[in-house]
PDB file of all heavy atoms in Angstrom:
ATOM      1  N   THR A   1     -31.011  42.623 -48.814  1.00  0.00           N
ATOM      2  CA  THR A   1     -30.955  44.079 -48.975  1.00  0.00           C
ATOM      3  C   THR A   1     -31.943  44.766 -48.039  1.00  0.00           C
ATOM      4  O   THR A   1     -31.622  45.779 -47.419  1.00  0.00           O
ATOM      5  CB  THR A   1     -31.259  44.468 -50.437  1.00  0.00           C
ATOM      6  OG1 THR A   1     -30.327  43.797 -51.281  1.00  0.00           O
ATOM      7  CG2 THR A   1     -31.156  45.963 -50.641  1.00  0.00           C
ATOM      8  N   ILE A   2     -33.137  44.216 -47.932  1.00  0.00           N
ATOM      9  CA  ILE A   2     -34.149  44.790 -47.038  1.00  0.00           C
ATOM     10  C   ILE A   2     -33.670  44.711 -45.597  1.00  0.00           C
ATOM     11  O   ILE A   2     -33.791  45.668 -44.842  1.00  0.00           O
ATOM     12  CB  ILE A   2     -35.500  44.069 -47.211  1.00  0.00           C
ATOM     13  CG1 ILE A   2     -36.090  44.382 -48.578  1.00  0.00           C
ATOM     14  CG2 ILE A   2     -36.478  44.486 -46.118  1.00  0.00           C
ATOM     15  CD1 ILE A   2     -37.328  43.599 -48.910  1.00  0.00           C
ATOM     16  N   ALA A   3     -33.102  43.576 -45.217  1.00  0.00           N
ATOM     17  CA  ALA A   3     -32.615  43.412 -43.849  1.00  0.00           C
ATOM     18  C   ALA A   3     -31.494  44.406 -43.546  1.00  0.00           C
ATOM     19  O   ALA A   3     -31.456  45.003 -42.469  1.00  0.00           O
ATOM     20  CB  ALA A   3     -32.146  41.983 -43.623  1.00  0.00           C
ATOM     21  N   ILE A   4     -30.595  44.615 -44.496  1.00  0.00           N
ATOM     22  CA  ILE A   4     -29.495  45.568 -44.302  1.00  0.00           C
ATOM     23  C   ILE A   4     -30.048  46.984 -44.199  1.00  0.00           C
ATOM     24  O   ILE A   4     -29.638  47.759 -43.334  1.00  0.00           O
ATOM     25  CB  ILE A   4     -28.471  45.461 -45.452  1.00  0.00           C
ATOM     26  CG1 ILE A   4     -27.766  44.105 -45.417  1.00  0.00           C
ATOM     27  CG2 ILE A   4     -27.473  46.601 -45.406  1.00  0.00           C
ATOM     28  CD1 ILE A   4     -26.935  43.849 -44.197  1.00  0.00           C
ATOM     29  N   ALA A   5     -30.982  47.347 -45.082  1.00  0.00           N
ATOM     30  CA  ALA A   5     -31.586  48.687 -45.036  1.00  0.00           C
ATOM     31  C   ALA A   5     -32.291  48.911 -43.706  1.00  0.00           C
ATOM     32  O   ALA A   5     -32.168  49.979 -43.095  1.00  0.00           O
ATOM     33  CB  ALA A   5     -32.569  48.863 -46.188  1.00  0.00           C
ATOM     34  N   PHE A   6     -32.998  47.904 -43.225  1.00  0.00           N
ATOM     35  CA  PHE A   6     -33.692  47.995 -41.945  1.00  0.00           C
ATOM     36  C   PHE A   6     -32.695  48.199 -40.814  1.00  0.00           C
ATOM     37  O   PHE A   6     -32.876  49.059 -39.949  1.00  0.00           O
ATOM     38  CB  PHE A   6     -34.516  46.725 -41.721  1.00  0.00           C
ATOM     39  CG  PHE A   6     -35.158  46.651 -40.374  1.00  0.00           C
ATOM     40  CD1 PHE A   6     -36.258  47.419 -40.059  1.00  0.00           C
ATOM     41  CD2 PHE A   6     -34.643  45.817 -39.408  1.00  0.00           C
ATOM     42  CE1 PHE A   6     -36.841  47.357 -38.825  1.00  0.00           C
ATOM     43  CE2 PHE A   6     -35.213  45.752 -38.159  1.00  0.00           C
ATOM     44  CZ  PHE A   6     -36.314  46.510 -37.859  1.00  0.00           C
ATOM     45  N   ALA A   7     -31.618  47.446 -40.814  1.00  0.00           N
ATOM     46  CA  ALA A   7     -30.609  47.552 -39.756  1.00  0.00           C
ATOM     47  C   ALA A   7     -29.959  48.932 -39.760  1.00  0.00           C
ATOM     48  O   ALA A   7     -29.728  49.519 -38.696  1.00  0.00           O
ATOM     49  CB  ALA A   7     -29.562  46.463 -39.924  1.00  0.00           C
ATOM     50  N   CYS A   8     -29.678  49.467 -40.933  1.00  0.00           N
ATOM     51  CA  CYS A   8     -29.076  50.799 -41.029  1.00  0.00           C
ATOM     52  C   CYS A   8     -30.021  51.869 -40.506  1.00  0.00           C
ATOM     53  O   CYS A   8     -29.616  52.755 -39.760  1.00  0.00           O
ATOM     54  CB  CYS A   8     -28.697  51.105 -42.471  1.00  0.00           C
ATOM     55  SG  CYS A   8     -27.315  50.118 -43.070  1.00  0.00           S
ATOM     56  N   LEU A   9     -31.279  51.792 -40.903  1.00  0.00           N
ATOM     57  CA  LEU A   9     -32.264  52.760 -40.439  1.00  0.00           C
ATOM     58  C   LEU A   9     -32.427  52.705 -38.934  1.00  0.00           C
ATOM     59  O   LEU A   9     -32.476  53.730 -38.253  1.00  0.00           O
ATOM     60  CB  LEU A   9     -33.617  52.483 -41.106  1.00  0.00           C
ATOM     61  CG  LEU A   9     -33.940  53.448 -42.215  1.00  0.00           C
ATOM     62  CD1 LEU A   9     -34.693  52.772 -43.308  1.00  0.00           C
ATOM     63  CD2 LEU A   9     -34.732  54.570 -41.638  1.00  0.00           C
ATOM     64  N   LEU A  10     -32.511  51.499 -38.412  1.00  0.00           N
ATOM     65  CA  LEU A  10     -32.696  51.337 -36.978  1.00  0.00           C
ATOM     66  C   LEU A  10     -31.498  51.860 -36.207  1.00  0.00           C
ATOM     67  O   LEU A  10     -31.655  52.503 -35.171  1.00  0.00           O
ATOM     68  CB  LEU A  10     -32.949  49.864 -36.646  1.00  0.00           C
ATOM     69  CG  LEU A  10     -33.308  49.591 -35.202  1.00  0.00           C
ATOM     70  CD1 LEU A  10     -34.563  50.355 -34.810  1.00  0.00           C
ATOM     71  CD2 LEU A  10     -33.513  48.110 -34.996  1.00  0.00           C
ATOM     72  N   SER A  11     -30.296  51.640 -36.704  1.00  0.00           N
ATOM     73  CA  SER A  11     -29.115  52.138 -36.010  1.00  0.00           C
ATOM     74  C   SER A  11     -29.108  53.662 -35.974  1.00  0.00           C
ATOM     75  O   SER A  11     -28.653  54.258 -34.998  1.00  0.00           O
ATOM     76  CB  SER A  11     -27.840  51.592 -36.646  1.00  0.00           C
ATOM     77  OG  SER A  11     -27.688  52.085 -37.945  1.00  0.00           O
ATOM     78  N   CYS A  12     -29.618  54.302 -37.022  1.00  0.00           N
ATOM     79  CA  CYS A  12     -29.719  55.762 -37.027  1.00  0.00           C
ATOM     80  C   CYS A  12     -30.695  56.247 -35.965  1.00  0.00           C
ATOM     81  O   CYS A  12     -30.445  57.230 -35.275  1.00  0.00           O
ATOM     82  CB  CYS A  12     -30.152  56.268 -38.398  1.00  0.00           C
ATOM     83  SG  CYS A  12     -28.898  56.078 -39.664  1.00  0.00           S
ATOM     84  N   VAL A  13     -31.813  55.548 -35.840  1.00  0.00           N
ATOM     85  CA  VAL A  13     -32.840  55.939 -34.874  1.00  0.00           C
ATOM     86  C   VAL A  13     -32.325  55.803 -33.453  1.00  0.00           C
ATOM     87  O   VAL A  13     -32.591  56.637 -32.593  1.00  0.00           O
ATOM     88  CB  VAL A  13     -34.115  55.075 -35.058  1.00  0.00           C
ATOM     89  CG1 VAL A  13     -35.092  55.310 -33.930  1.00  0.00           C
ATOM     90  CG2 VAL A  13     -34.770  55.385 -36.378  1.00  0.00           C
ATOM     91  N   LEU A  14     -31.597  54.745 -33.211  1.00  0.00           N
ATOM     92  CA  LEU A  14     -31.131  54.473 -31.860  1.00  0.00           C
ATOM     93  C   LEU A  14     -29.740  55.029 -31.577  1.00  0.00           C
ATOM     94  O   LEU A  14     -29.120  54.678 -30.586  1.00  0.00           O
ATOM     95  CB  LEU A  14     -31.148  52.959 -31.616  1.00  0.00           C
ATOM     96  CG  LEU A  14     -32.527  52.305 -31.725  1.00  0.00           C
ATOM     97  CD1 LEU A  14     -32.416  50.803 -31.541  1.00  0.00           C
ATOM     98  CD2 LEU A  14     -33.501  52.897 -30.735  1.00  0.00           C
ATOM     99  N   ALA A  15     -29.257  55.919 -32.426  1.00  0.00           N
ATOM    100  CA  ALA A  15     -27.937  56.518 -32.234  1.00  0.00           C
ATOM    101  C   ALA A  15     -27.886  57.268 -30.909  1.00  0.00           C
ATOM    102  O   ALA A  15     -28.911  57.659 -30.354  1.00  0.00           O
ATOM    103  CB  ALA A  15     -27.623  57.452 -33.390  1.00  0.00           C
ATOM    104  N   ALA A  16     -26.704  57.471 -30.416  1.00  0.00           N
ATOM    105  CA  ALA A  16     -26.521  58.121 -29.115  1.00  0.00           C
ATOM    106  C   ALA A  16     -27.180  59.495 -29.091  1.00  0.00           C
ATOM    107  O   ALA A  16     -27.069  60.260 -30.041  1.00  0.00           O
ATOM    108  CB  ALA A  16     -25.037  58.254 -28.816  1.00  0.00           C
ATOM    109  N   PRO A  17     -27.880  59.827 -27.988  1.00  0.00           N
ATOM    110  CA  PRO A  17     -28.511  61.150 -27.882  1.00  0.00           C
ATOM    111  C   PRO A  17     -27.440  62.225 -27.694  1.00  0.00           C
ATOM    112  O   PRO A  17     -26.311  61.937 -27.293  1.00  0.00           O
ATOM    113  CB  PRO A  17     -29.383  61.013 -26.632  1.00  0.00           C
ATOM    114  CG  PRO A  17     -28.738  59.943 -25.827  1.00  0.00           C
ATOM    115  CD  PRO A  17     -28.106  59.001 -26.811  1.00  0.00           C
ATOM    116  N   PRO A  18     -27.788  63.480 -27.992  1.00  0.00           N
ATOM    117  CA  PRO A  18     -26.841  64.574 -27.775  1.00  0.00           C
ATOM    118  C   PRO A  18     -26.388  64.621 -26.310  1.00  0.00           C
ATOM    119  O   PRO A  18     -27.115  64.203 -25.411  1.00  0.00           O
ATOM    120  CB  PRO A  18     -27.642  65.825 -28.119  1.00  0.00           C
ATOM    121  CG  PRO A  18     -28.747  65.343 -28.992  1.00  0.00           C
ATOM    122  CD  PRO A  18     -29.039  63.938 -28.548  1.00  0.00           C
ATOM    123  N   ALA A  19     -25.193  65.146 -26.086  1.00  0.00           N
ATOM    124  CA  ALA A  19     -24.616  65.161 -24.739  1.00  0.00           C
ATOM    125  C   ALA A  19     -25.477  65.931 -23.748  1.00  0.00           C
ATOM    126  O   ALA A  19     -25.412  65.691 -22.553  1.00  0.00           O
ATOM    127  CB  ALA A  19     -23.215  65.761 -24.798  1.00  0.00           C
ATOM    128  N   SER A  20     -26.303  66.868 -24.224  1.00  0.00           N
ATOM    129  CA  SER A  20     -27.113  67.681 -23.326  1.00  0.00           C
ATOM    130  C   SER A  20     -28.323  66.932 -22.774  1.00  0.00           C
ATOM    131  O   SER A  20     -28.975  67.415 -21.867  1.00  0.00           O
ATOM    132  CB  SER A  20     -27.579  68.949 -24.038  1.00  0.00           C
ATOM    133  OG  SER A  20     -28.431  68.609 -25.112  1.00  0.00           O
ATOM    134  N   GLN A  21     -28.628  65.775 -23.314  1.00  0.00           N
ATOM    135  CA  GLN A  21     -29.783  65.007 -22.848  1.00  0.00           C
ATOM    136  C   GLN A  21     -29.324  63.812 -22.029  1.00  0.00           C
ATOM    137  O   GLN A  21     -28.206  63.331 -22.160  1.00  0.00           O
ATOM    138  CB  GLN A  21     -30.609  64.518 -24.030  1.00  0.00           C
ATOM    139  CG  GLN A  21     -31.235  65.631 -24.818  1.00  0.00           C
ATOM    140  CD  GLN A  21     -32.079  65.088 -25.960  1.00  0.00           C
ATOM    141  OE1 GLN A  21     -32.007  63.913 -26.291  1.00  0.00           O
ATOM    142  NE2 GLN A  21     -32.873  65.939 -26.552  1.00  0.00           N
ATOM    143  N   GLN A  22     -30.240  63.334 -21.185  1.00  0.00           N
ATOM    144  CA  GLN A  22     -29.958  62.121 -20.423  1.00  0.00           C
ATOM    145  C   GLN A  22     -29.990  60.933 -21.363  1.00  0.00           C
ATOM    146  O   GLN A  22     -30.520  61.007 -22.459  1.00  0.00           O
ATOM    147  CB  GLN A  22     -31.014  61.933 -19.338  1.00  0.00           C
ATOM    148  CG  GLN A  22     -31.044  63.043 -18.315  1.00  0.00           C
ATOM    149  CD  GLN A  22     -32.146  62.813 -17.299  1.00  0.00           C
ATOM    150  OE1 GLN A  22     -32.890  61.853 -17.373  1.00  0.00           O
ATOM    151  NE2 GLN A  22     -32.246  63.707 -16.346  1.00  0.00           N
ATOM    152  N   ASP A  23     -29.422  59.823 -20.901  1.00  0.00           N
ATOM    153  CA  ASP A  23     -29.501  58.592 -21.687  1.00  0.00           C
ATOM    154  C   ASP A  23     -30.954  58.158 -21.791  1.00  0.00           C
ATOM    155  O   ASP A  23     -31.651  58.052 -20.790  1.00  0.00           O
ATOM    156  CB  ASP A  23     -28.679  57.486 -21.038  1.00  0.00           C
ATOM    157  CG  ASP A  23     -27.194  57.737 -21.135  1.00  0.00           C
ATOM    158  OD1 ASP A  23     -26.779  58.457 -22.070  1.00  0.00           O
ATOM    159  OD2 ASP A  23     -26.451  57.235 -20.285  1.00  0.00           O
ATOM    160  N   ALA A  24     -31.396  57.921 -23.002  1.00  0.00           N
ATOM    161  CA  ALA A  24     -32.780  57.501 -23.238  1.00  0.00           C
ATOM    162  C   ALA A  24     -32.875  55.983 -23.143  1.00  0.00           C
ATOM    163  O   ALA A  24     -31.948  55.267 -23.511  1.00  0.00           O
ATOM    164  CB  ALA A  24     -33.242  57.972 -24.605  1.00  0.00           C
ATOM    165  N   GLN A  25     -33.987  55.522 -22.675  1.00  0.00           N
ATOM    166  CA  GLN A  25     -34.268  54.089 -22.586  1.00  0.00           C
ATOM    167  C   GLN A  25     -35.280  53.727 -23.667  1.00  0.00           C
ATOM    168  O   GLN A  25     -36.195  54.500 -23.948  1.00  0.00           O
ATOM    169  CB  GLN A  25     -34.839  53.727 -21.214  1.00  0.00           C
ATOM    170  CG  GLN A  25     -33.939  54.108 -20.057  1.00  0.00           C
ATOM    171  CD  GLN A  25     -32.627  53.350 -20.093  1.00  0.00           C
ATOM    172  OE1 GLN A  25     -32.614  52.147 -20.294  1.00  0.00           O
ATOM    173  NE2 GLN A  25     -31.531  54.068 -19.925  1.00  0.00           N
ATOM    174  N   VAL A  26     -35.128  52.566 -24.255  1.00  0.00           N
ATOM    175  CA  VAL A  26     -36.101  52.079 -25.230  1.00  0.00           C
ATOM    176  C   VAL A  26     -37.324  51.581 -24.462  1.00  0.00           C
ATOM    177  O   VAL A  26     -37.216  50.691 -23.628  1.00  0.00           O
ATOM    178  CB  VAL A  26     -35.504  50.961 -26.111  1.00  0.00           C
ATOM    179  CG1 VAL A  26     -36.565  50.394 -27.043  1.00  0.00           C
ATOM    180  CG2 VAL A  26     -34.317  51.486 -26.903  1.00  0.00           C
ATOM    181  N   LEU A  27     -38.464  52.189 -24.739  1.00  0.00           N
ATOM    182  CA  LEU A  27     -39.709  51.806 -24.074  1.00  0.00           C
ATOM    183  C   LEU A  27     -40.465  50.736 -24.853  1.00  0.00           C
ATOM    184  O   LEU A  27     -41.143  49.905 -24.272  1.00  0.00           O
ATOM    185  CB  LEU A  27     -40.612  53.026 -23.901  1.00  0.00           C
ATOM    186  CG  LEU A  27     -40.022  54.193 -23.114  1.00  0.00           C
ATOM    187  CD1 LEU A  27     -40.998  55.364 -23.105  1.00  0.00           C
ATOM    188  CD2 LEU A  27     -39.682  53.760 -21.692  1.00  0.00           C
ATOM    189  N   ARG A  28     -40.353  50.802 -26.172  1.00  0.00           N
ATOM    190  CA  ARG A  28     -41.058  49.839 -27.026  1.00  0.00           C
ATOM    191  C   ARG A  28     -40.255  49.642 -28.298  1.00  0.00           C
ATOM    192  O   ARG A  28     -39.747  50.593 -28.879  1.00  0.00           O
ATOM    193  CB  ARG A  28     -42.448  50.367 -27.379  1.00  0.00           C
ATOM    194  CG  ARG A  28     -43.260  49.428 -28.265  1.00  0.00           C
ATOM    195  CD  ARG A  28     -44.689  49.930 -28.462  1.00  0.00           C
ATOM    196  NE  ARG A  28     -44.751  51.062 -29.356  1.00  0.00           N
ATOM    197  CZ  ARG A  28     -45.105  50.990 -30.640  1.00  0.00           C
ATOM    198  NH1 ARG A  28     -45.415  49.836 -31.179  1.00  0.00           N
ATOM    199  NH2 ARG A  28     -45.151  52.077 -31.377  1.00  0.00           N
ATOM    200  N   PHE A  29     -40.141  48.381 -28.695  1.00  0.00           N
ATOM    201  CA  PHE A  29     -39.493  48.059 -29.959  1.00  0.00           C
ATOM    202  C   PHE A  29     -40.217  46.863 -30.550  1.00  0.00           C
ATOM    203  O   PHE A  29     -40.270  45.798 -29.932  1.00  0.00           O
ATOM    204  CB  PHE A  29     -38.012  47.734 -29.770  1.00  0.00           C
ATOM    205  CG  PHE A  29     -37.359  47.309 -31.051  1.00  0.00           C
ATOM    206  CD1 PHE A  29     -37.037  48.245 -32.017  1.00  0.00           C
ATOM    207  CD2 PHE A  29     -37.096  45.979 -31.311  1.00  0.00           C
ATOM    208  CE1 PHE A  29     -36.448  47.863 -33.214  1.00  0.00           C
ATOM    209  CE2 PHE A  29     -36.515  45.581 -32.502  1.00  0.00           C
ATOM    210  CZ  PHE A  29     -36.192  46.524 -33.444  1.00  0.00           C
ATOM    211  N   ASP A  30     -40.796  47.046 -31.715  1.00  0.00           N
ATOM    212  CA  ASP A  30     -41.472  45.974 -32.441  1.00  0.00           C
ATOM    213  C   ASP A  30     -40.902  45.946 -33.846  1.00  0.00           C
ATOM    214  O   ASP A  30     -40.665  46.996 -34.440  1.00  0.00           O
ATOM    215  CB  ASP A  30     -42.985  46.225 -32.539  1.00  0.00           C
ATOM    216  CG  ASP A  30     -43.658  46.308 -31.186  1.00  0.00           C
ATOM    217  OD1 ASP A  30     -43.412  45.431 -30.349  1.00  0.00           O
ATOM    218  OD2 ASP A  30     -44.431  47.267 -30.970  1.00  0.00           O
ATOM    219  N   SER A  31     -40.694  44.745 -34.372  1.00  0.00           N
ATOM    220  CA  SER A  31     -40.257  44.648 -35.763  1.00  0.00           C
ATOM    221  C   SER A  31     -40.752  43.351 -36.369  1.00  0.00           C
ATOM    222  O   SER A  31     -40.976  42.362 -35.673  1.00  0.00           O
ATOM    223  CB  SER A  31     -38.738  44.731 -35.882  1.00  0.00           C
ATOM    224  OG  SER A  31     -38.141  43.531 -35.452  1.00  0.00           O
ATOM    225  N   ASP A  32     -40.935  43.399 -37.666  1.00  0.00           N
ATOM    226  CA  ASP A  32     -41.368  42.236 -38.432  1.00  0.00           C
ATOM    227  C   ASP A  32     -40.738  42.346 -39.809  1.00  0.00           C
ATOM    228  O   ASP A  32     -41.013  43.289 -40.544  1.00  0.00           O
ATOM    229  CB  ASP A  32     -42.901  42.212 -38.536  1.00  0.00           C
ATOM    230  CG  ASP A  32     -43.418  40.986 -39.271  1.00  0.00           C
ATOM    231  OD1 ASP A  32     -42.705  39.957 -39.307  1.00  0.00           O
ATOM    232  OD2 ASP A  32     -44.535  41.060 -39.810  1.00  0.00           O
TER     233      ASP A  32
END
């Protein structure tokens, strides 16, 4: 359940940016 909740939250954070912005690059990603 924790792993699923984490995956859902992360997918929301990394969702596609609005069309008015450039494509964003991930600069840092850490997880435990």
